[in-house]
Each structure stands twice: as C-alpha cells, then as structure tokens.
Amino acid sequence: MSAQGREGLEVPLHRSLVEPMLLAGLPRTVALVLWTSVGAFAFGLHQIWLLPVGIAAHVAAAAATKADPHIFDIILLALKTQKRLDP
C-alpha cells in the first residue's frame, strides 16, 4: 500500500466542497454581520466615522481568515463552551 492510498479509490471533490465560503476574504456570516452593523450605524445613525473602522475591522478579520480559515468557527465554539466545570 502506498502513502497516497490505494490505486483506483480516489474520489474527485469539487473545490467548493473543500474550501470555506468566503465573501471578500471573510466567512460569509462574519462579513454579513460586520457590514450590516456598520451600515446600520453609519447610515442609519449618521455616524460616518464608523466606515473606516469597519474597513479596518474587515482587513484585520481577512488577515486572520487568511492565516486560519476556521478561526471564526473556533472563536464561536470557545464562546459557546461552558466556562466552569460542574461536579
């Protein structure tokens, strides 16, 4: 048996099944939550100064996603876990 696996047992997978779904470099849910909240504050409450803050947050989150594509899944899992041990 070779290191690659057995001959003839490979299954081709489409790239979209393997890679996470990104929207402008961010996971889709993170990008939608970020830009919906920035848009609501910037245009709804006339806080235009939040647009550069949103762009900076987007660039930082995109850099984190480029380093580890599953970083936001890990953060969400860490926030959901129980903080203490019950006897």
PDB file of N, CA and C in Angstrom:
ATOM      1  N   MET A   1       0.837  -1.181   0.000  1.00  0.00           N
ATOM      2  CA  MET A   1       0.000   0.000   0.000  1.00  0.00           C
ATOM      3  C   MET A   1       0.884   1.247   0.000  1.00  0.00           C
ATOM      4  N   SER A   2       0.605   2.154  -0.872  1.00  0.00           N
ATOM      5  CA  SER A   2       1.437   3.355  -0.999  1.00  0.00           C
ATOM      6  C   SER A   2       0.996   4.412   0.006  1.00  0.00           C
ATOM      7  N   ALA A   3       1.805   5.460   0.131  1.00  0.00           N
ATOM      8  CA  ALA A   3       1.492   6.554   1.048  1.00  0.00           C
ATOM      9  C   ALA A   3       0.292   7.366   0.569  1.00  0.00           C
ATOM     10  N   GLN A   4       0.032   7.373  -0.728  1.00  0.00           N
ATOM     11  CA  GLN A   4      -1.083   8.134  -1.290  1.00  0.00           C
ATOM     12  C   GLN A   4      -2.422   7.429  -1.086  1.00  0.00           C
ATOM     13  N   GLY A   5      -2.428   6.157  -0.850  1.00  0.00           N
ATOM     14  CA  GLY A   5      -3.661   5.394  -0.716  1.00  0.00           C
ATOM     15  C   GLY A   5      -3.701   4.296  -1.763  1.00  0.00           C
ATOM     16  N   ARG A   6      -4.780   3.601  -1.821  1.00  0.00           N
ATOM     17  CA  ARG A   6      -4.904   2.512  -2.781  1.00  0.00           C
ATOM     18  C   ARG A   6      -5.220   3.063  -4.163  1.00  0.00           C
ATOM     19  N   GLU A   7      -4.727   2.371  -5.141  1.00  0.00           N
ATOM     20  CA  GLU A   7      -4.918   2.792  -6.528  1.00  0.00           C
ATOM     21  C   GLU A   7      -6.375   2.586  -6.930  1.00  0.00           C
ATOM     22  N   GLY A   8      -6.992   3.596  -7.527  1.00  0.00           N
ATOM     23  CA  GLY A   8      -8.354   3.487  -8.025  1.00  0.00           C
ATOM     24  C   GLY A   8      -9.423   3.838  -7.014  1.00  0.00           C
ATOM     25  N   LEU A   9      -9.070   4.196  -5.800  1.00  0.00           N
ATOM     26  CA  LEU A   9     -10.057   4.525  -4.779  1.00  0.00           C
ATOM     27  C   LEU A   9     -10.145   6.023  -4.507  1.00  0.00           C
ATOM     28  N   GLU A  10      -9.641   6.840  -5.411  1.00  0.00           N
ATOM     29  CA  GLU A  10      -9.713   8.278  -5.236  1.00  0.00           C
ATOM     30  C   GLU A  10     -11.073   8.786  -5.699  1.00  0.00           C
ATOM     31  N   VAL A  11     -11.582   9.772  -4.993  1.00  0.00           N
ATOM     32  CA  VAL A  11     -12.852  10.391  -5.374  1.00  0.00           C
ATOM     33  C   VAL A  11     -12.574  11.863  -5.631  1.00  0.00           C
ATOM     34  N   PRO A  12     -12.841  12.345  -6.837  1.00  0.00           N
ATOM     35  CA  PRO A  12     -12.607  13.771  -7.091  1.00  0.00           C
ATOM     36  C   PRO A  12     -13.664  14.617  -6.380  1.00  0.00           C
ATOM     37  N   LEU A  13     -13.225  15.643  -5.670  1.00  0.00           N
ATOM     38  CA  LEU A  13     -14.117  16.562  -4.983  1.00  0.00           C
ATOM     39  C   LEU A  13     -14.009  17.933  -5.629  1.00  0.00           C
ATOM     40  N   HIS A  14     -15.138  18.584  -5.744  1.00  0.00           N
ATOM     41  CA  HIS A  14     -15.131  19.941  -6.277  1.00  0.00           C
ATOM     42  C   HIS A  14     -14.520  20.872  -5.234  1.00  0.00           C
ATOM     43  N   ARG A  15     -13.879  21.906  -5.690  1.00  0.00           N
ATOM     44  CA  ARG A  15     -13.192  22.835  -4.800  1.00  0.00           C
ATOM     45  C   ARG A  15     -14.141  23.494  -3.811  1.00  0.00           C
ATOM     46  N   SER A  16     -15.390  23.726  -4.208  1.00  0.00           N
ATOM     47  CA  SER A  16     -16.347  24.395  -3.328  1.00  0.00           C
ATOM     48  C   SER A  16     -16.770  23.517  -2.153  1.00  0.00           C
ATOM     49  N   LEU A  17     -16.558  22.209  -2.239  1.00  0.00           N
ATOM     50  CA  LEU A  17     -16.886  21.322  -1.135  1.00  0.00           C
ATOM     51  C   LEU A  17     -15.789  21.269  -0.085  1.00  0.00           C
ATOM     52  N   VAL A  18     -14.606  21.697  -0.442  1.00  0.00           N
ATOM     53  CA  VAL A  18     -13.464  21.593   0.446  1.00  0.00           C
ATOM     54  C   VAL A  18     -13.130  22.934   1.099  1.00  0.00           C
ATOM     55  N   GLU A  19     -13.216  24.013   0.360  1.00  0.00           N
ATOM     56  CA  GLU A  19     -12.838  25.322   0.868  1.00  0.00           C
ATOM     57  C   GLU A  19     -14.042  26.034   1.493  1.00  0.00           C
ATOM     58  N   PRO A  20     -13.807  26.853   2.523  1.00  0.00           N
ATOM     59  CA  PRO A  20     -14.921  27.581   3.136  1.00  0.00           C
ATOM     60  C   PRO A  20     -15.462  28.658   2.188  1.00  0.00           C
ATOM     61  N   MET A  21     -16.741  29.011   2.354  1.00  0.00           N
ATOM     62  CA  MET A  21     -17.377  30.016   1.508  1.00  0.00           C
ATOM     63  C   MET A  21     -17.000  31.404   2.030  1.00  0.00           C
ATOM     64  N   LEU A  22     -16.271  32.152   1.228  1.00  0.00           N
ATOM     65  CA  LEU A  22     -15.779  33.461   1.634  1.00  0.00           C
ATOM     66  C   LEU A  22     -16.472  34.561   0.842  1.00  0.00           C
ATOM     67  N   LEU A  23     -16.643  35.693   1.488  1.00  0.00           N
ATOM     68  CA  LEU A  23     -17.213  36.878   0.866  1.00  0.00           C
ATOM     69  C   LEU A  23     -16.225  38.013   1.119  1.00  0.00           C
ATOM     70  N   ALA A  24     -15.496  38.411   0.088  1.00  0.00           N
ATOM     71  CA  ALA A  24     -14.457  39.445   0.179  1.00  0.00           C
ATOM     72  C   ALA A  24     -13.392  39.082   1.212  1.00  0.00           C
ATOM     73  N   GLY A  25     -13.024  37.813   1.266  1.00  0.00           N
ATOM     74  CA  GLY A  25     -11.960  37.372   2.153  1.00  0.00           C
ATOM     75  C   GLY A  25     -12.404  36.969   3.535  1.00  0.00           C
ATOM     76  N   LEU A  26     -13.674  37.124   3.867  1.00  0.00           N
ATOM     77  CA  LEU A  26     -14.207  36.747   5.175  1.00  0.00           C
ATOM     78  C   LEU A  26     -15.229  35.630   5.012  1.00  0.00           C
ATOM     79  N   PRO A  27     -15.424  34.850   6.070  1.00  0.00           N
ATOM     80  CA  PRO A  27     -16.551  33.923   6.018  1.00  0.00           C
ATOM     81  C   PRO A  27     -17.855  34.699   5.822  1.00  0.00           C
ATOM     82  N   ARG A  28     -18.792  34.102   5.120  1.00  0.00           N
ATOM     83  CA  ARG A  28     -19.997  34.810   4.702  1.00  0.00           C
ATOM     84  C   ARG A  28     -20.764  35.397   5.886  1.00  0.00           C
ATOM     85  N   THR A  29     -20.938  34.637   6.959  1.00  0.00           N
ATOM     86  CA  THR A  29     -21.708  35.138   8.091  1.00  0.00           C
ATOM     87  C   THR A  29     -21.004  36.298   8.781  1.00  0.00           C
ATOM     88  N   VAL A  30     -19.683  36.211   8.898  1.00  0.00           N
ATOM     89  CA  VAL A  30     -18.919  37.289   9.545  1.00  0.00           C
ATOM     90  C   VAL A  30     -19.006  38.571   8.724  1.00  0.00           C
ATOM     91  N   ALA A  31     -18.869  38.450   7.411  1.00  0.00           N
ATOM     92  CA  ALA A  31     -18.942  39.630   6.547  1.00  0.00           C
ATOM     93  C   ALA A  31     -20.328  40.257   6.589  1.00  0.00           C
ATOM     94  N   LEU A  32     -21.365  39.433   6.571  1.00  0.00           N
ATOM     95  CA  LEU A  32     -22.727  39.985   6.603  1.00  0.00           C
ATOM     96  C   LEU A  32     -23.030  40.674   7.927  1.00  0.00           C
ATOM     97  N   VAL A  33     -22.625  40.075   9.036  1.00  0.00           N
ATOM     98  CA  VAL A  33     -22.862  40.704  10.344  1.00  0.00           C
ATOM     99  C   VAL A  33     -22.060  41.994  10.467  1.00  0.00           C
ATOM    100  N   LEU A  34     -20.795  41.966  10.052  1.00  0.00           N
ATOM    101  CA  LEU A  34     -19.945  43.155  10.147  1.00  0.00           C
ATOM    102  C   LEU A  34     -20.505  44.306   9.336  1.00  0.00           C
ATOM    103  N   TRP A  35     -20.792  44.068   8.051  1.00  0.00           N
ATOM    104  CA  TRP A  35     -21.204  45.175   7.191  1.00  0.00           C
ATOM    105  C   TRP A  35     -22.659  45.582   7.397  1.00  0.00           C
ATOM    106  N   THR A  36     -23.504  44.697   7.901  1.00  0.00           N
ATOM    107  CA  THR A  36     -24.861  45.106   8.250  1.00  0.00           C
ATOM    108  C   THR A  36     -24.846  46.030   9.456  1.00  0.00           C
ATOM    109  N   SER A  37     -24.049  45.688  10.458  1.00  0.00           N
ATOM    110  CA  SER A  37     -23.976  46.546  11.641  1.00  0.00           C
ATOM    111  C   SER A  37     -23.279  47.875  11.322  1.00  0.00           C
ATOM    112  N   VAL A  38     -22.206  47.835  10.536  1.00  0.00           N
ATOM    113  CA  VAL A  38     -21.531  49.085  10.163  1.00  0.00           C
ATOM    114  C   VAL A  38     -22.456  49.958   9.326  1.00  0.00           C
ATOM    115  N   GLY A  39     -23.186  49.350   8.398  1.00  0.00           N
ATOM    116  CA  GLY A  39     -24.124  50.124   7.578  1.00  0.00           C
ATOM    117  C   GLY A  39     -25.258  50.711   8.393  1.00  0.00           C
ATOM    118  N   ALA A  40     -25.754  49.955   9.364  1.00  0.00           N
ATOM    119  CA  ALA A  40     -26.840  50.471  10.202  1.00  0.00           C
ATOM    120  C   ALA A  40     -26.379  51.656  11.031  1.00  0.00           C
ATOM    121  N   PHE A  41     -25.202  51.557  11.632  1.00  0.00           N
ATOM    122  CA  PHE A  41     -24.703  52.661  12.443  1.00  0.00           C
ATOM    123  C   PHE A  41     -24.265  53.845  11.587  1.00  0.00           C
ATOM    124  N   ALA A  42     -23.591  53.572  10.483  1.00  0.00           N
ATOM    125  CA  ALA A  42     -23.035  54.656   9.669  1.00  0.00           C
ATOM    126  C   ALA A  42     -24.129  55.438   8.952  1.00  0.00           C
ATOM    127  N   PHE A  43     -25.077  54.739   8.348  1.00  0.00           N
ATOM    128  CA  PHE A  43     -26.080  55.437   7.553  1.00  0.00           C
ATOM    129  C   PHE A  43     -27.373  55.685   8.316  1.00  0.00           C
ATOM    130  N   GLY A  44     -27.731  54.797   9.219  1.00  0.00           N
ATOM    131  CA  GLY A  44     -28.961  54.978   9.985  1.00  0.00           C
ATOM    132  C   GLY A  44     -28.816  56.009  11.082  1.00  0.00           C
ATOM    133  N   LEU A  45     -27.692  55.985  11.769  1.00  0.00           N
ATOM    134  CA  LEU A  45     -27.466  56.920  12.872  1.00  0.00           C
ATOM    135  C   LEU A  45     -26.529  58.065  12.486  1.00  0.00           C
ATOM    136  N   HIS A  46     -26.156  58.135  11.222  1.00  0.00           N
ATOM    137  CA  HIS A  46     -25.295  59.193  10.678  1.00  0.00           C
ATOM    138  C   HIS A  46     -23.956  59.264  11.401  1.00  0.00           C
ATOM    139  N   GLN A  47     -23.402  58.089  11.704  1.00  0.00           N
ATOM    140  CA  GLN A  47     -22.079  58.002  12.307  1.00  0.00           C
ATOM    141  C   GLN A  47     -21.089  57.571  11.219  1.00  0.00           C
ATOM    142  N   ILE A  48     -20.787  58.487  10.319  1.00  0.00           N
ATOM    143  CA  ILE A  48     -19.968  58.172   9.151  1.00  0.00           C
ATOM    144  C   ILE A  48     -18.543  57.761   9.543  1.00  0.00           C
ATOM    145  N   TRP A  49     -18.089  58.164  10.717  1.00  0.00           N
ATOM    146  CA  TRP A  49     -16.744  57.817  11.148  1.00  0.00           C
ATOM    147  C   TRP A  49     -16.578  56.306  11.335  1.00  0.00           C
ATOM    148  N   LEU A  50     -17.681  55.552  11.376  1.00  0.00           N
ATOM    149  CA  LEU A  50     -17.585  54.109  11.535  1.00  0.00           C
ATOM    150  C   LEU A  50     -17.185  53.378  10.245  1.00  0.00           C
ATOM    151  N   LEU A  51     -17.280  54.032   9.106  1.00  0.00           N
ATOM    152  CA  LEU A  51     -16.882  53.380   7.852  1.00  0.00           C
ATOM    153  C   LEU A  51     -15.397  53.007   7.839  1.00  0.00           C
ATOM    154  N   PRO A  52     -14.473  53.914   8.202  1.00  0.00           N
ATOM    155  CA  PRO A  52     -13.064  53.494   8.268  1.00  0.00           C
ATOM    156  C   PRO A  52     -12.808  52.433   9.345  1.00  0.00           C
ATOM    157  N   VAL A  53     -13.573  52.484  10.446  1.00  0.00           N
ATOM    158  CA  VAL A  53     -13.432  51.462  11.482  1.00  0.00           C
ATOM    159  C   VAL A  53     -13.882  50.107  10.933  1.00  0.00           C
ATOM    160  N   GLY A  54     -14.969  50.100  10.166  1.00  0.00           N
ATOM    161  CA  GLY A  54     -15.443  48.867   9.552  1.00  0.00           C
ATOM    162  C   GLY A  54     -14.463  48.313   8.534  1.00  0.00           C
ATOM    163  N   ILE A  55     -13.853  49.193   7.763  1.00  0.00           N
ATOM    164  CA  ILE A  55     -12.846  48.746   6.793  1.00  0.00           C
ATOM    165  C   ILE A  55     -11.633  48.161   7.505  1.00  0.00           C
ATOM    166  N   ALA A  56     -11.207  48.802   8.598  1.00  0.00           N
ATOM    167  CA  ALA A  56     -10.074  48.282   9.363  1.00  0.00           C
ATOM    168  C   ALA A  56     -10.417  46.926   9.994  1.00  0.00           C
ATOM    169  N   ALA A  57     -11.631  46.789  10.507  1.00  0.00           N
ATOM    170  CA  ALA A  57     -12.059  45.507  11.081  1.00  0.00           C
ATOM    171  C   ALA A  57     -12.120  44.434  10.001  1.00  0.00           C
ATOM    172  N   HIS A  58     -12.560  44.815   8.804  1.00  0.00           N
ATOM    173  CA  HIS A  58     -12.633  43.862   7.701  1.00  0.00           C
ATOM    174  C   HIS A  58     -11.233  43.398   7.298  1.00  0.00           C
ATOM    175  N   VAL A  59     -10.295  44.322   7.212  1.00  0.00           N
ATOM    176  CA  VAL A  59      -8.923  43.961   6.837  1.00  0.00           C
ATOM    177  C   VAL A  59      -8.290  43.062   7.900  1.00  0.00           C
ATOM    178  N   ALA A  60      -8.529  43.381   9.179  1.00  0.00           N
ATOM    179  CA  ALA A  60      -7.970  42.547  10.255  1.00  0.00           C
ATOM    180  C   ALA A  60      -8.588  41.153  10.251  1.00  0.00           C
ATOM    181  N   ALA A  61      -9.892  41.075  10.052  1.00  0.00           N
ATOM    182  CA  ALA A  61     -10.559  39.773  10.019  1.00  0.00           C
ATOM    183  C   ALA A  61     -10.146  38.977   8.787  1.00  0.00           C
ATOM    184  N   ALA A  62      -9.934  39.654   7.664  1.00  0.00           N
ATOM    185  CA  ALA A  62      -9.484  38.957   6.456  1.00  0.00           C
ATOM    186  C   ALA A  62      -8.068  38.409   6.635  1.00  0.00           C
ATOM    187  N   ALA A  63      -7.215  39.143   7.340  1.00  0.00           N
ATOM    188  CA  ALA A  63      -5.862  38.647   7.611  1.00  0.00           C
ATOM    189  C   ALA A  63      -5.912  37.436   8.535  1.00  0.00           C
ATOM    190  N   ALA A  64      -6.798  37.468   9.533  1.00  0.00           N
ATOM    191  CA  ALA A  64      -6.949  36.317  10.429  1.00  0.00           C
ATOM    192  C   ALA A  64      -7.500  35.114   9.670  1.00  0.00           C
ATOM    193  N   THR A  65      -8.434  35.356   8.751  1.00  0.00           N
ATOM    194  CA  THR A  65      -9.004  34.266   7.953  1.00  0.00           C
ATOM    195  C   THR A  65      -7.976  33.693   6.996  1.00  0.00           C
ATOM    196  N   LYS A  66      -7.101  34.531   6.476  1.00  0.00           N
ATOM    197  CA  LYS A  66      -6.068  34.038   5.563  1.00  0.00           C
ATOM    198  C   LYS A  66      -5.066  33.152   6.314  1.00  0.00           C
ATOM    199  N   ALA A  67      -4.796  33.495   7.573  1.00  0.00           N
ATOM    200  CA  ALA A  67      -3.873  32.688   8.373  1.00  0.00           C
ATOM    201  C   ALA A  67      -4.509  31.354   8.765  1.00  0.00           C
ATOM    202  N   ASP A  68      -5.797  31.375   9.144  1.00  0.00           N
ATOM    203  CA  ASP A  68      -6.517  30.154   9.522  1.00  0.00           C
ATOM    204  C   ASP A  68      -7.965  30.306   9.073  1.00  0.00           C
ATOM    205  N   PRO A  69      -8.391  29.578   8.048  1.00  0.00           N
ATOM    206  CA  PRO A  69      -9.742  29.756   7.515  1.00  0.00           C
ATOM    207  C   PRO A  69     -10.859  29.413   8.499  1.00  0.00           C
ATOM    208  N   HIS A  70     -10.550  28.669   9.551  1.00  0.00           N
ATOM    209  CA  HIS A  70     -11.584  28.247  10.507  1.00  0.00           C
ATOM    210  C   HIS A  70     -11.498  29.012  11.822  1.00  0.00           C
ATOM    211  N   ILE A  71     -10.856  30.170  11.855  1.00  0.00           N
ATOM    212  CA  ILE A  71     -10.649  30.913  13.091  1.00  0.00           C
ATOM    213  C   ILE A  71     -11.969  31.356  13.711  1.00  0.00           C
ATOM    214  N   PHE A  72     -12.934  31.758  12.916  1.00  0.00           N
ATOM    215  CA  PHE A  72     -14.189  32.236  13.479  1.00  0.00           C
ATOM    216  C   PHE A  72     -15.055  31.090  13.972  1.00  0.00           C
ATOM    217  N   ASP A  73     -14.920  29.909  13.387  1.00  0.00           N
ATOM    218  CA  ASP A  73     -15.598  28.730  13.925  1.00  0.00           C
ATOM    219  C   ASP A  73     -15.033  28.367  15.291  1.00  0.00           C
ATOM    220  N   ILE A  74     -13.720  28.489  15.446  1.00  0.00           N
ATOM    221  CA  ILE A  74     -13.064  28.187  16.711  1.00  0.00           C
ATOM    222  C   ILE A  74     -13.468  29.207  17.773  1.00  0.00           C
ATOM    223  N   ILE A  75     -13.535  30.481  17.405  1.00  0.00           N
ATOM    224  CA  ILE A  75     -13.939  31.520  18.355  1.00  0.00           C
ATOM    225  C   ILE A  75     -15.383  31.305  18.788  1.00  0.00           C
ATOM    226  N   LEU A  76     -16.264  30.985  17.862  1.00  0.00           N
ATOM    227  CA  LEU A  76     -17.657  30.730  18.189  1.00  0.00           C
ATOM    228  C   LEU A  76     -17.790  29.515  19.100  1.00  0.00           C
ATOM    229  N   LEU A  77     -17.032  28.464  18.848  1.00  0.00           N
ATOM    230  CA  LEU A  77     -17.059  27.277  19.687  1.00  0.00           C
ATOM    231  C   LEU A  77     -16.551  27.595  21.094  1.00  0.00           C
ATOM    232  N   ALA A  78     -15.503  28.417  21.198  1.00  0.00           N
ATOM    233  CA  ALA A  78     -14.961  28.799  22.502  1.00  0.00           C
ATOM    234  C   ALA A  78     -15.961  29.652  23.289  1.00  0.00           C
ATOM    235  N   LEU A  79     -16.736  30.483  22.596  1.00  0.00           N
ATOM    236  CA  LEU A  79     -17.733  31.290  23.287  1.00  0.00           C
ATOM    237  C   LEU A  79     -18.926  30.467  23.760  1.00  0.00           C
ATOM    238  N   LYS A  80     -19.219  29.367  23.066  1.00  0.00           N
ATOM    239  CA  LYS A  80     -20.359  28.523  23.427  1.00  0.00           C
ATOM    240  C   LYS A  80     -20.052  27.526  24.538  1.00  0.00           C
ATOM    241  N   THR A  81     -18.790  27.205  24.757  1.00  0.00           N
ATOM    242  CA  THR A  81     -18.458  26.179  25.738  1.00  0.00           C
ATOM    243  C   THR A  81     -18.705  26.680  27.152  1.00  0.00           C
ATOM    244  N   GLN A  82     -18.895  25.727  28.041  1.00  0.00           N
ATOM    245  CA  GLN A  82     -19.160  26.048  29.432  1.00  0.00           C
ATOM    246  C   GLN A  82     -17.891  26.595  30.078  1.00  0.00           C
ATOM    247  N   LYS A  83     -18.045  27.634  30.867  1.00  0.00           N
ATOM    248  CA  LYS A  83     -16.889  28.306  31.446  1.00  0.00           C
ATOM    249  C   LYS A  83     -16.369  27.638  32.725  1.00  0.00           C
ATOM    250  N   ARG A  84     -17.164  26.799  33.354  1.00  0.00           N
ATOM    251  CA  ARG A  84     -16.722  26.153  34.580  1.00  0.00           C
ATOM    252  C   ARG A  84     -17.122  24.689  34.542  1.00  0.00           C
ATOM    253  N   LEU A  85     -16.530  23.924  35.419  1.00  0.00           N
ATOM    254  CA  LEU A  85     -16.835  22.505  35.486  1.00  0.00           C
ATOM    255  C   LEU A  85     -17.842  22.254  36.602  1.00  0.00           C
ATOM    256  N   ASP A  86     -18.880  21.510  36.309  1.00  0.00           N
ATOM    257  CA  ASP A  86     -19.855  21.135  37.327  1.00  0.00           C
ATOM    258  C   ASP A  86     -19.468  19.793  37.920  1.00  0.00           C
ATOM    259  N   PRO A  87     -19.645  19.639  39.252  1.00  0.00           N
ATOM    260  CA  PRO A  87     -19.283  18.344  39.867  1.00  0.00           C
ATOM    261  C   PRO A  87     -20.236  17.240  39.451  1.00  0.00           C
TER     262      PRO A  87
END
